Protein backbone atom coordinates (compact mmCIF):
# COMPACT_ATOMS: atom_id res chain seq x y z
CA UNK A 1 0.02 0.00 0.01
CA UNK A 2 1.43 3.36 -1.01
CA UNK A 3 2.01 6.18 1.48
CA UNK A 4 -0.56 8.42 -0.24
CA UNK A 5 -3.29 5.75 -0.02
CA UNK A 6 -2.42 5.02 3.60
CA UNK A 7 -2.67 8.74 4.33
CA UNK A 8 -6.09 9.03 2.71
CA UNK A 9 -7.40 5.94 4.49
CA UNK A 10 -5.97 7.11 7.80
CA UNK A 11 -7.47 10.60 7.37
CA UNK A 12 -10.92 9.17 6.46
CA UNK A 13 -10.76 6.76 9.40
CA UNK A 14 -9.71 9.55 11.76
CA UNK A 15 -12.61 11.76 10.67
CA UNK A 16 -15.05 8.90 10.98
CA UNK A 17 -13.74 7.81 14.36
CA UNK A 18 -13.76 11.41 15.60
CA UNK A 19 -17.36 11.79 14.49
CA UNK A 20 -18.34 8.58 16.24
CA UNK A 21 -16.58 9.57 19.49
CA UNK A 22 -18.13 12.98 19.50
CA UNK A 23 -21.66 11.73 18.76
CA UNK A 24 -21.42 8.95 21.29
CA UNK A 25 -19.82 11.14 23.96
CA UNK A 26 -17.29 8.41 24.43
CA UNK A 27 -14.66 8.61 27.20
CA UNK A 28 -13.27 5.39 28.58
CA UNK A 29 -12.32 6.69 32.03
CA UNK A 30 -15.69 8.42 32.56
CA UNK A 31 -17.44 5.29 31.20
CA UNK A 32 -15.67 3.05 33.68
CA UNK A 33 -16.76 5.39 36.46
CA UNK A 34 -20.33 5.08 35.26
CA UNK A 35 -20.10 1.30 35.25
CA UNK A 36 -18.81 1.20 38.82
CA UNK A 37 -21.62 3.41 40.14
CA UNK A 38 -24.16 1.24 38.38
CA UNK A 39 -25.50 3.43 35.57
CA UNK A 40 -23.23 2.44 32.70
CA UNK A 41 -25.35 0.10 30.53
CA UNK A 42 -24.90 2.33 27.48
CA UNK A 43 -21.10 2.44 27.96
CA UNK A 44 -20.91 -1.31 28.59
CA UNK A 45 -22.65 -1.91 25.27
CA UNK A 46 -20.18 0.44 23.52
CA UNK A 47 -17.20 -1.26 25.16
CA UNK A 48 -18.46 -4.70 24.05
CA UNK A 49 -18.89 -3.51 20.49
CA UNK A 50 -15.45 -1.85 20.45
CA UNK A 51 -13.88 -4.99 21.94
CA UNK A 52 -15.49 -7.28 19.36
CA UNK A 53 -14.49 -5.07 16.39
CA UNK A 54 -10.90 -4.47 17.49
CA UNK A 55 -10.23 -8.11 18.52
CA UNK A 56 -11.51 -9.36 15.23
CA UNK A 57 -9.58 -6.68 13.34
CA UNK A 58 -6.27 -7.46 15.03
CA UNK A 59 -6.75 -11.19 14.33
CA UNK A 60 -7.58 -10.59 10.67
CA UNK A 61 -4.76 -8.12 10.22
CA UNK A 62 -2.31 -10.86 11.09
CA UNK A 63 -3.52 -12.84 8.10
CA UNK A 64 -3.06 -9.83 5.82
CA UNK A 65 0.45 -9.15 7.02
CA UNK A 66 2.30 -10.88 9.88
CA UNK A 67 3.86 -7.62 11.05
CA UNK A 68 0.38 -6.05 11.54
CA UNK A 69 -1.27 -8.82 13.55
CA UNK A 70 -1.30 -9.83 17.21
CA UNK A 71 1.89 -8.98 19.03
CA UNK A 72 3.13 -9.88 22.48
CA UNK A 73 2.59 -6.52 24.09
CA UNK A 74 0.78 -7.52 27.28
CA UNK A 75 2.92 -7.29 30.35
CA UNK A 76 2.51 -8.93 33.68
CA UNK A 77 4.33 -7.12 36.49
CA UNK A 78 4.58 -7.89 40.16
CA UNK A 79 2.22 -6.18 42.58
CA UNK A 80 3.59 -3.64 44.97
CA UNK A 81 3.98 -0.03 46.02
CA UNK A 82 4.62 1.26 42.49
CA UNK A 83 1.35 -0.21 41.26
CA UNK A 84 -0.56 1.56 44.07
CA UNK A 85 1.33 4.80 43.50
CA UNK A 86 0.84 4.84 39.73
CA UNK A 87 -2.86 3.93 40.13
CA UNK A 88 -3.35 6.81 42.57
CA UNK A 89 -1.56 9.27 40.24
CA UNK A 90 -3.53 8.02 37.26
CA UNK A 91 -6.82 8.31 39.14
CA UNK A 92 -5.96 11.82 40.38
CA UNK A 93 -5.13 12.85 36.80
CA UNK A 94 -8.48 11.54 35.59
CA UNK A 95 -10.27 13.38 38.38
CA UNK A 96 -8.52 16.65 37.62
CA UNK A 97 -8.99 16.22 33.89
CA UNK A 98 -12.57 14.93 34.02
CA UNK A 99 -11.76 12.04 31.67
CA UNK A 100 -9.16 10.25 29.62
CA UNK A 101 -7.19 11.32 26.54
CA UNK A 102 -10.06 10.32 24.28
CA UNK A 103 -12.44 12.50 26.28
CA UNK A 104 -9.93 15.34 26.13
CA UNK A 105 -9.67 15.11 22.37
CA UNK A 106 -13.47 15.01 22.12
CA UNK A 107 -13.73 18.17 24.28
CA UNK A 108 -11.16 19.95 22.05
CA UNK A 109 -13.11 18.88 18.98
CA UNK A 110 -16.27 20.29 20.49
CA UNK A 111 -14.48 23.64 20.91
CA UNK A 112 -13.67 23.56 24.64
CA UNK A 113 -10.16 25.05 24.29
CA UNK A 114 -9.45 24.75 28.03
CA UNK A 115 -8.76 21.07 27.25
CA UNK A 116 -5.98 22.16 24.87
CA UNK A 117 -4.01 23.07 28.03
CA UNK A 118 -4.83 19.63 29.46
CA UNK A 119 -3.69 18.01 26.18
CA UNK A 120 -0.40 19.99 26.29
CA UNK A 121 0.18 18.73 29.87
CA UNK A 122 0.05 15.13 28.64
CA UNK A 123 3.41 15.57 26.88
CA UNK A 124 5.53 16.16 30.01
CA UNK A 125 3.45 13.53 31.82
CA UNK A 126 4.23 10.93 29.18
CA UNK A 127 7.93 11.95 29.21
CA UNK A 128 7.93 11.46 33.00
CA UNK A 129 6.54 7.93 32.54
CA UNK A 130 8.91 6.98 29.71
CA UNK A 131 12.10 8.47 31.22
CA UNK A 132 11.31 8.27 34.91
CA UNK A 133 8.82 5.63 35.84
CA UNK A 134 9.62 2.91 33.26
CA UNK A 135 13.33 2.72 34.12
CA UNK A 136 12.36 2.60 37.81
CA UNK A 137 9.93 -0.24 37.19
CA UNK A 138 12.37 -2.09 34.89
CA UNK A 139 14.98 -2.05 37.65
CA UNK A 140 12.66 -3.28 40.38
CA UNK A 141 10.21 -5.57 38.68
CA UNK A 142 10.49 -8.69 36.59
CA UNK A 143 8.56 -7.93 33.41
CA UNK A 144 7.34 -10.73 31.25
CA UNK A 145 5.71 -10.07 27.86
CA UNK A 146 2.90 -12.43 27.12
CA UNK A 147 0.12 -13.13 24.67
CA UNK A 148 -3.12 -14.53 26.05
CA UNK A 149 -3.22 -17.35 23.50
CA UNK A 150 0.32 -18.43 24.52
CA UNK A 151 -0.64 -18.25 28.22
CA UNK A 152 -3.68 -20.44 27.67
CA UNK A 153 -1.91 -22.77 25.21
CA UNK A 154 -4.63 -22.40 22.63
CA UNK A 155 -4.61 -20.97 19.05
CA UNK A 156 -5.25 -17.25 18.83
CA UNK A 157 -8.30 -17.89 16.60
CA UNK A 158 -9.94 -20.01 19.28
CA UNK A 159 -9.21 -17.54 22.12
CA UNK A 160 -10.40 -14.50 20.22
CA UNK A 161 -13.37 -16.43 18.82
CA UNK A 162 -14.50 -17.38 22.34
CA UNK A 163 -13.97 -13.87 23.66
CA UNK A 164 -15.74 -12.12 20.81
CA UNK A 165 -18.61 -14.65 20.91
CA UNK A 166 -18.89 -14.05 24.68
CA UNK A 167 -18.96 -10.28 24.12
CA UNK A 168 -21.70 -10.59 21.48
CA UNK A 169 -23.77 -12.84 23.81
CA UNK A 170 -23.38 -10.29 26.65
CA UNK A 171 -24.35 -7.52 24.22
CA UNK A 172 -27.52 -9.42 23.22
CA UNK A 173 -28.40 -10.07 26.89
CA UNK A 174 -27.96 -6.35 27.72
CA UNK A 175 -30.14 -5.37 24.79
CA UNK A 176 -32.80 -7.86 25.80
CA UNK A 177 -32.92 -6.43 29.34
CA UNK A 178 -33.25 -2.86 28.01
């Protein structure tokens, strides 16, 4: 695929995804908060649809090109003080921001330019994680990269098939209750 075609497809996808996010009012952090307080049926349905589409897409992309497909990116780290500290900092950031990066981009797209300042603050925050927290964690934790299909000892098609089928069944059950 040529660079020009990839650029056009990426631009069209970005516009479409942005439109979807804005119309749905999607923010993952805010949605998880709604789920935990018991009023997140709409967001659960969106999460299930997103999970089914992306899981299927990653699986199919591996058949198109091996370098695009499923990669061992999941990491299991030991539990400890750094997990609690990073969770507290992440939660405080979400509270101060009012949402996640997706919600911030949605707010900017809707014209709320106060969130441009929030977006600009993500850059030093990410630099702090990459150059400060990650070396600290690498020195003190054993990190093992895994893929769920390898962990379960089953083919990726079977694992993703079961998970996507389960997500679709849960989606149908939620729709039936509504």
